[in-house]
Amino acid sequence: MDEAQTPSGETRPGDPDLHWTEWALNRLRDIVDLEIRTMRATVREHEQILRGAEMPDFPLMQSRLARSVRLSIAMTERIRRDYLLRKQARIASGEQERRRR
């Protein structure tokens, strides 16, 4: 389960941190995609609302959705940075070399 196949066909131990990081980044991409689709749907809905009716607070909705996207991107960067720091710590401690053997 914790093994990865290289392009040359050899199997070696996989990196559990990398697997988790890939999973987390994929989930964040899904969230960002959903938020972007929601923003577009909100814009379309806003454009279709009759001017005489009570208008929703579009700027507030837009700012909340944009903030959510920004936070998702920031979280993605934090996950990447943490992964690289863990990897550097493993290299410094020699654990990375022990895993490759």
Protein backbone atom coordinates (compact mmCIF):
# COMPACT_ATOMS: atom_id res chain seq x y z
CA MET A 1 0.00 0.00 0.00
CA ASP A 2 2.85 2.37 0.80
CA GLU A 3 4.74 1.45 -2.34
CA ALA A 4 5.10 3.49 -5.48
CA GLN A 5 6.10 2.31 -8.92
CA THR A 6 8.75 4.34 -10.69
CA PRO A 7 8.73 4.97 -14.46
CA SER A 8 11.42 2.27 -14.83
CA GLY A 9 9.02 -0.26 -13.29
CA GLU A 10 10.78 -0.76 -9.97
CA THR A 11 8.66 -0.63 -6.84
CA ARG A 12 9.89 1.31 -3.85
CA PRO A 13 8.33 2.54 -0.62
CA GLY A 14 5.92 5.40 -1.20
CA ASP A 15 5.86 8.63 0.70
CA PRO A 16 2.80 8.73 3.00
CA ASP A 17 3.19 12.50 3.42
CA LEU A 18 3.08 12.91 -0.35
CA HIS A 19 -0.03 10.73 -0.62
CA TRP A 20 -1.78 12.76 2.08
CA THR A 21 -0.66 16.04 0.51
CA GLU A 22 -1.95 14.96 -2.90
CA TRP A 23 -5.28 13.96 -1.35
CA ALA A 24 -5.60 17.28 0.51
CA LEU A 25 -4.70 19.30 -2.58
CA ASN A 26 -7.25 17.39 -4.67
CA ARG A 27 -9.97 18.12 -2.09
CA LEU A 28 -9.04 21.81 -2.08
CA ARG A 29 -9.15 21.91 -5.88
CA ASP A 30 -12.65 20.42 -5.72
CA ILE A 31 -13.70 23.07 -3.20
CA VAL A 32 -12.28 25.91 -5.28
CA ASP A 33 -13.99 24.56 -8.43
CA LEU A 34 -17.30 24.37 -6.56
CA GLU A 35 -16.88 27.91 -5.23
CA ILE A 36 -16.09 29.28 -8.69
CA ARG A 37 -19.15 27.56 -10.18
CA THR A 38 -21.25 28.95 -7.32
CA MET A 39 -19.91 32.46 -7.98
CA ARG A 40 -20.83 32.18 -11.66
CA ALA A 41 -24.31 30.87 -10.84
CA THR A 42 -24.79 33.73 -8.38
CA VAL A 43 -23.84 36.24 -11.07
CA ARG A 44 -26.28 34.67 -13.57
CA GLU A 45 -29.06 34.63 -10.97
CA HIS A 46 -28.39 38.23 -10.06
CA GLU A 47 -28.56 39.28 -13.71
CA GLN A 48 -31.94 37.54 -14.13
CA ILE A 49 -33.63 39.06 -11.07
CA LEU A 50 -36.20 41.68 -11.89
CA ARG A 51 -35.15 45.17 -10.88
CA GLY A 52 -38.46 45.88 -9.15
CA ALA A 53 -38.14 42.93 -6.77
CA GLU A 54 -36.17 42.95 -3.56
CA MET A 55 -32.55 42.62 -4.60
CA PRO A 56 -30.25 40.24 -2.73
CA ASP A 57 -27.05 41.66 -1.29
CA PHE A 58 -24.92 40.61 -4.24
CA PRO A 59 -21.72 42.42 -3.17
CA LEU A 60 -21.83 40.69 0.21
CA MET A 61 -22.32 37.26 -1.38
CA GLN A 62 -19.53 37.93 -3.85
CA SER A 63 -17.09 39.07 -1.17
CA ARG A 64 -17.83 36.00 0.98
CA LEU A 65 -17.32 33.65 -1.96
CA ALA A 66 -14.11 35.43 -2.98
CA ARG A 67 -12.81 35.24 0.59
CA SER A 68 -13.56 31.54 0.65
CA VAL A 69 -11.58 31.02 -2.55
CA ARG A 70 -8.65 33.04 -1.19
CA LEU A 71 -8.64 31.01 2.03
CA SER A 72 -8.71 27.77 0.02
CA ILE A 73 -5.71 28.89 -2.00
CA ALA A 74 -3.86 29.94 1.15
CA MET A 75 -4.58 26.56 2.69
CA THR A 76 -3.21 24.87 -0.42
CA GLU A 77 0.02 26.81 -0.09
CA ARG A 78 0.26 25.97 3.62
CA ILE A 79 -0.16 22.26 2.87
CA ARG A 80 2.56 22.42 0.20
CA ARG A 81 4.93 24.31 2.50
CA ASP A 82 4.35 21.90 5.39
CA TYR A 83 5.00 18.93 3.10
CA LEU A 84 8.29 20.42 1.93
CA LEU A 85 9.34 21.18 5.51
CA ARG A 86 8.57 17.59 6.58
CA LYS A 87 10.52 16.29 3.60
CA GLN A 88 13.52 18.49 4.42
CA ALA A 89 13.41 17.31 8.04
CA ARG A 90 13.45 13.68 6.87
CA ILE A 91 16.39 14.38 4.58
CA ALA A 92 18.28 16.15 7.36
CA SER A 93 17.68 13.27 9.80
CA GLY A 94 18.68 10.62 7.26
CA GLU A 95 15.22 9.03 7.27
CA GLN A 96 14.80 9.73 3.56
CA GLU A 97 17.86 7.63 2.71
CA ARG A 98 16.70 4.78 4.97
CA ARG A 99 13.33 4.76 3.15
CA ARG A 100 15.00 4.44 -0.25
CA ARG A 101 16.90 1.29 0.72
